[in-house]
PDB file of N, CA and C in Angstrom:
ATOM      1  N   MET A   1      42.075  69.241  96.923  1.00  0.00           N
ATOM      2  CA  MET A   1      43.297  68.551  97.280  1.00  0.00           C
ATOM      3  C   MET A   1      43.769  68.979  98.664  1.00  0.00           C
ATOM      4  N   LYS A   2      43.651  70.277  98.952  1.00  0.00           N
ATOM      5  CA  LYS A   2      44.066  70.802 100.247  1.00  0.00           C
ATOM      6  C   LYS A   2      43.199  70.217 101.362  1.00  0.00           C
ATOM      7  N   GLN A   3      41.913  70.070 101.093  1.00  0.00           N
ATOM      8  CA  GLN A   3      40.998  69.517 102.093  1.00  0.00           C
ATOM      9  C   GLN A   3      41.335  68.066 102.399  1.00  0.00           C
ATOM     10  N   ILE A   4      41.725  67.317 101.383  1.00  0.00           N
ATOM     11  CA  ILE A   4      42.076  65.907 101.588  1.00  0.00           C
ATOM     12  C   ILE A   4      43.309  65.810 102.477  1.00  0.00           C
ATOM     13  N   ARG A   5      44.301  66.681 102.252  1.00  0.00           N
ATOM     14  CA  ARG A   5      45.504  66.679 103.088  1.00  0.00           C
ATOM     15  C   ARG A   5      45.159  67.003 104.532  1.00  0.00           C
ATOM     16  N   LEU A   6      44.303  68.011 104.719  1.00  0.00           N
ATOM     17  CA  LEU A   6      43.899  68.383 106.079  1.00  0.00           C
ATOM     18  C   LEU A   6      43.158  67.237 106.753  1.00  0.00           C
ATOM     19  N   LEU A   7      42.299  66.571 105.995  1.00  0.00           N
ATOM     20  CA  LEU A   7      41.548  65.437 106.533  1.00  0.00           C
ATOM     21  C   LEU A   7      42.500  64.309 106.927  1.00  0.00           C
ATOM     22  N   ASN A   8      43.491  64.046 106.083  1.00  0.00           N
ATOM     23  CA  ASN A   8      44.478  63.013 106.395  1.00  0.00           C
ATOM     24  C   ASN A   8      45.271  63.376 107.641  1.00  0.00           C
ATOM     25  N   LEU A   9      45.657  64.632 107.781  1.00  0.00           N
ATOM     26  CA  LEU A   9      46.403  65.065 108.961  1.00  0.00           C
ATOM     27  C   LEU A   9      45.566  64.917 110.221  1.00  0.00           C
ATOM     28  N   LYS A  10      44.287  65.279 110.133  1.00  0.00           N
ATOM     29  CA  LYS A  10      43.401  65.153 111.291  1.00  0.00           C
ATOM     30  C   LYS A  10      43.205  63.691 111.667  1.00  0.00           C
ATOM     31  N   SER A  11      43.002  62.838 110.661  1.00  0.00           N
ATOM     32  CA  SER A  11      42.788  61.422 110.965  1.00  0.00           C
ATOM     33  C   SER A  11      44.059  60.797 111.536  1.00  0.00           C
ATOM     34  N   GLU A  12      45.230  61.213 111.056  1.00  0.00           N
ATOM     35  CA  GLU A  12      46.487  60.709 111.614  1.00  0.00           C
ATOM     36  C   GLU A  12      46.650  61.158 113.065  1.00  0.00           C
ATOM     37  N   LYS A  13      46.256  62.382 113.341  1.00  0.00           N
ATOM     38  CA  LYS A  13      46.362  62.898 114.705  1.00  0.00           C
ATOM     39  C   LYS A  13      45.418  62.133 115.638  1.00  0.00           C
ATOM     40  N   ILE A  14      44.204  61.885 115.166  1.00  0.00           N
ATOM     41  CA  ILE A  14      43.227  61.134 115.968  1.00  0.00           C
ATOM     42  C   ILE A  14      43.725  59.712 116.201  1.00  0.00           C
ATOM     43  N   MET A  15      44.266  59.083 115.164  1.00  0.00           N
ATOM     44  CA  MET A  15      44.802  57.723 115.315  1.00  0.00           C
ATOM     45  C   MET A  15      45.963  57.715 116.305  1.00  0.00           C
ATOM     46  N   GLY A  16      46.771  58.749 116.268  1.00  0.00           N
ATOM     47  CA  GLY A  16      47.879  58.862 117.216  1.00  0.00           C
ATOM     48  C   GLY A  16      47.376  58.923 118.648  1.00  0.00           C
ATOM     49  N   TRP A  17      46.334  59.708 118.866  1.00  0.00           N
ATOM     50  CA  TRP A  17      45.740  59.802 120.210  1.00  0.00           C
ATOM     51  C   TRP A  17      45.167  58.455 120.649  1.00  0.00           C
ATOM     52  N   ILE A  18      44.481  57.789 119.741  1.00  0.00           N
ATOM     53  CA  ILE A  18      43.880  56.487 120.075  1.00  0.00           C
ATOM     54  C   ILE A  18      44.966  55.481 120.443  1.00  0.00           C
ATOM     55  N   VAL A  19      46.026  55.440 119.650  1.00  0.00           N
ATOM     56  CA  VAL A  19      47.127  54.517 119.944  1.00  0.00           C
ATOM     57  C   VAL A  19      47.780  54.877 121.272  1.00  0.00           C
ATOM     58  N   GLY A  20      47.976  56.157 121.528  1.00  0.00           N
ATOM     59  CA  GLY A  20      48.574  56.592 122.790  1.00  0.00           C
ATOM     60  C   GLY A  20      47.735  56.194 123.990  1.00  0.00           C
ATOM     61  N   ILE A  21      46.444  56.414 123.902  1.00  0.00           N
ATOM     62  CA  ILE A  21      45.539  56.049 125.000  1.00  0.00           C
ATOM     63  C   ILE A  21      45.523  54.540 125.188  1.00  0.00           C
ATOM     64  N   ALA A  22      45.513  53.801 124.081  1.00  0.00           N
ATOM     65  CA  ALA A  22      45.526  52.335 124.168  1.00  0.00           C
ATOM     66  C   ALA A  22      46.798  51.849 124.858  1.00  0.00           C
ATOM     67  N   LEU A  23      47.926  52.460 124.550  1.00  0.00           N
ATOM     68  CA  LEU A  23      49.183  52.075 125.199  1.00  0.00           C
ATOM     69  C   LEU A  23      49.156  52.363 126.695  1.00  0.00           C
ATOM     70  N   ILE A  24      48.606  53.507 127.072  1.00  0.00           N
ATOM     71  CA  ILE A  24      48.507  53.854 128.495  1.00  0.00           C
ATOM     72  C   ILE A  24      47.630  52.846 129.222  1.00  0.00           C
ATOM     73  N   VAL A  25      46.496  52.504 128.635  1.00  0.00           N
ATOM     74  CA  VAL A  25      45.592  51.519 129.247  1.00  0.00           C
ATOM     75  C   VAL A  25      46.286  50.165 129.358  1.00  0.00           C
ATOM     76  N   LEU A  26      46.993  49.767 128.322  1.00  0.00           N
ATOM     77  CA  LEU A  26      47.713  48.492 128.327  1.00  0.00           C
ATOM     78  C   LEU A  26      48.762  48.455 129.435  1.00  0.00           C
ATOM     79  N   VAL A  27      49.531  49.510 129.571  1.00  0.00           N
ATOM     80  CA  VAL A  27      50.559  49.570 130.622  1.00  0.00           C
ATOM     81  C   VAL A  27      49.907  49.535 131.997  1.00  0.00           C
ATOM     82  N   PHE A  28      48.811  50.255 132.168  1.00  0.00           N
ATOM     83  CA  PHE A  28      48.134  50.282 133.465  1.00  0.00           C
ATOM     84  C   PHE A  28      47.666  48.891 133.868  1.00  0.00           C
ATOM     85  N   PHE A  29      46.971  48.203 132.954  1.00  0.00           N
ATOM     86  CA  PHE A  29      46.454  46.876 133.291  1.00  0.00           C
ATOM     87  C   PHE A  29      47.579  45.857 133.452  1.00  0.00           C
ATOM     88  N   SER A  30      48.623  45.981 132.647  1.00  0.00           N
ATOM     89  CA  SER A  30      49.762  45.065 132.778  1.00  0.00           C
ATOM     90  C   SER A  30      50.426  45.228 134.136  1.00  0.00           C
ATOM     91  N   SER A  31      50.638  46.467 134.556  1.00  0.00           N
ATOM     92  CA  SER A  31      51.281  46.692 135.853  1.00  0.00           C
ATOM     93  C   SER A  31      50.384  46.211 136.984  1.00  0.00           C
ATOM     94  N   SER A  32      49.086  46.336 136.818  1.00  0.00           N
ATOM     95  CA  SER A  32      48.150  45.853 137.832  1.00  0.00           C
ATOM     96  C   SER A  32      48.224  44.337 137.959  1.00  0.00           C
ATOM     97  N   ILE A  33      48.286  43.648 136.835  1.00  0.00           N
ATOM     98  CA  ILE A  33      48.379  42.184 136.845  1.00  0.00           C
ATOM     99  C   ILE A  33      49.705  41.746 137.458  1.00  0.00           C
ATOM    100  N   ILE A  34      50.794  42.409 137.082  1.00  0.00           N
ATOM    101  CA  ILE A  34      52.108  42.067 137.637  1.00  0.00           C
ATOM    102  C   ILE A  34      52.120  42.291 139.141  1.00  0.00           C
ATOM    103  N   GLU A  35      51.540  43.399 139.591  1.00  0.00           N
ATOM    104  CA  GLU A  35      51.494  43.688 141.027  1.00  0.00           C
ATOM    105  C   GLU A  35      50.722  42.601 141.773  1.00  0.00           C
ATOM    106  N   ARG A  36      49.623  42.152 141.207  1.00  0.00           N
ATOM    107  CA  ARG A  36      48.821  41.101 141.832  1.00  0.00           C
ATOM    108  C   ARG A  36      49.629  39.803 141.953  1.00  0.00           C
ATOM    109  N   HIS A  37      50.350  39.465 140.893  1.00  0.00           N
ATOM    110  CA  HIS A  37      51.171  38.250 140.922  1.00  0.00           C
ATOM    111  C   HIS A  37      52.283  38.370 141.966  1.00  0.00           C
ATOM    112  N   LEU A  38      52.898  39.538 142.055  1.00  0.00           N
ATOM    113  CA  LEU A  38      53.959  39.730 143.043  1.00  0.00           C
ATOM    114  C   LEU A  38      53.421  39.613 144.463  1.00  0.00           C
ATOM    115  N   LYS A  39      52.217  40.110 144.700  1.00  0.00           N
ATOM    116  CA  LYS A  39      51.607  39.974 146.025  1.00  0.00           C
ATOM    117  C   LYS A  39      51.338  38.511 146.350  1.00  0.00           C
ATOM    118  N   ASP A  40      50.884  37.746 145.347  1.00  0.00           N
ATOM    119  CA  ASP A  40      50.659  36.310 145.557  1.00  0.00           C
ATOM    120  C   ASP A  40      51.962  35.593 145.893  1.00  0.00           C
ATOM    121  N   ILE A  41      53.030  35.939 145.185  1.00  0.00           N
ATOM    122  CA  ILE A  41      54.334  35.324 145.448  1.00  0.00           C
ATOM    123  C   ILE A  41      54.805  35.679 146.854  1.00  0.00           C
ATOM    124  N   LYS A  42      54.626  36.931 147.248  1.00  0.00           N
ATOM    125  CA  LYS A  42      55.031  37.355 148.593  1.00  0.00           C
ATOM    126  C   LYS A  42      54.252  36.579 149.652  1.00  0.00           C
ATOM    127  N   LYS A  43      52.959  36.407 149.428  1.00  0.00           N
ATOM    128  CA  LYS A  43      52.124  35.662 150.373  1.00  0.00           C
ATOM    129  C   LYS A  43      52.603  34.217 150.490  1.00  0.00           C
ATOM    130  N   GLN A  44      52.893  33.589 149.356  1.00  0.00           N
ATOM    131  CA  GLN A  44      53.385  32.211 149.367  1.00  0.00           C
ATOM    132  C   GLN A  44      54.731  32.119 150.080  1.00  0.00           C
ATOM    133  N   ASN A  45      55.607  33.079 149.839  1.00  0.00           N
ATOM    134  CA  ASN A  45      56.911  33.085 150.503  1.00  0.00           C
ATOM    135  C   ASN A  45      56.755  33.226 152.011  1.00  0.00           C
ATOM    136  N   ASN A  46      55.857  34.098 152.435  1.00  0.00           N
ATOM    137  CA  ASN A  46      55.635  34.285 153.872  1.00  0.00           C
ATOM    138  C   ASN A  46      55.111  33.003 154.517  1.00  0.00           C
ATOM    139  N   GLU A  47      54.218  32.309 153.822  1.00  0.00           N
ATOM    140  CA  GLU A  47      53.694  31.043 154.348  1.00  0.00           C
ATOM    141  C   GLU A  47      54.800  29.991 154.431  1.00  0.00           C
ATOM    142  N   LEU A  48      55.648  29.945 153.420  1.00  0.00           N
ATOM    143  CA  LEU A  48      56.753  28.993 153.412  1.00  0.00           C
ATOM    144  C   LEU A  48      57.739  29.296 154.542  1.00  0.00           C
ATOM    145  N   ILE A  49      58.054  30.555 154.747  1.00  0.00           N
ATOM    146  CA  ILE A  49      58.955  30.951 155.840  1.00  0.00           C
ATOM    147  C   ILE A  49      58.358  30.549 157.178  1.00  0.00           C
ATOM    148  N   LYS A  50      57.063  30.769 157.333  1.00  0.00           N
ATOM    149  CA  LYS A  50      56.388  30.402 158.581  1.00  0.00           C
ATOM    150  C   LYS A  50      56.490  28.894 158.822  1.00  0.00           C
ATOM    151  N   LEU A  51      56.234  28.093 157.783  1.00  0.00           N
ATOM    152  CA  LEU A  51      56.321  26.639 157.916  1.00  0.00           C
ATOM    153  C   LEU A  51      57.747  26.197 158.241  1.00  0.00           C
ATOM    154  N   LEU A  52      58.723  26.804 157.591  1.00  0.00           N
ATOM    155  CA  LEU A  52      60.117  26.445 157.857  1.00  0.00           C
ATOM    156  C   LEU A  52      60.527  26.807 159.282  1.00  0.00           C
ATOM    157  N   LYS A  53      60.059  27.945 159.766  1.00  0.00           N
ATOM    158  CA  LYS A  53      60.368  28.341 161.147  1.00  0.00           C
ATOM    159  C   LYS A  53      59.744  27.367 162.135  1.00  0.00           C
ATOM    160  N   GLU A  54      58.505  26.954 161.861  1.00  0.00           N
ATOM    161  CA  GLU A  54      57.836  25.994 162.747  1.00  0.00           C
ATOM    162  C   GLU A  54      58.585  24.665 162.762  1.00  0.00           C
ATOM    163  N   LYS A  55      58.991  24.221 161.590  1.00  0.00           N
ATOM    164  CA  LYS A  55      59.718  22.949 161.495  1.00  0.00           C
ATOM    165  C   LYS A  55      61.066  23.053 162.199  1.00  0.00           C
ATOM    166  N   ASN A  56      61.725  24.179 162.055  1.00  0.00           N
ATOM    167  CA  ASN A  56      63.025  24.396 162.686  1.00  0.00           C
ATOM    168  C   ASN A  56      62.892  24.456 164.206  1.00  0.00           C
ATOM    169  N   SER A  57      61.820  25.059 164.691  1.00  0.00           N
ATOM    170  CA  SER A  57      61.621  25.151 166.142  1.00  0.00           C
ATOM    171  C   SER A  57      61.268  23.783 166.730  1.00  0.00           C
ATOM    172  N   GLU A  58      60.640  22.914 165.937  1.00  0.00           N
ATOM    173  CA  GLU A  58      60.325  21.561 166.397  1.00  0.00           C
ATOM    174  C   GLU A  58      61.602  20.740 166.564  1.00  0.00           C
ATOM    175  N   LYS A  59      62.587  20.978 165.700  1.00  0.00           N
ATOM    176  CA  LYS A  59      63.856  20.252 165.780  1.00  0.00           C
ATOM    177  C   LYS A  59      64.630  20.629 167.038  1.00  0.00           C
ATOM    178  N   SER A  60      64.511  21.872 167.453  1.00  0.00           N
ATOM    179  CA  SER A  60      65.297  22.366 168.593  1.00  0.00           C
ATOM    180  C   SER A  60      64.816  21.850 169.910  1.00  0.00           C
TER     181      SER A  60
END
């Protein structure tokens, strides 16, 4: 009976580590994807600003 309890405690500890590592990996990849999207948005905004400046300078 004591061995079964120890085995259960060890397996719970291992599962805890696996879940923890999985969460870290998930956060890392999520932040990487978000960063990529933000860079794309920044690039699009810069292009739009450039076009608006060109159009504004043509009016002047």
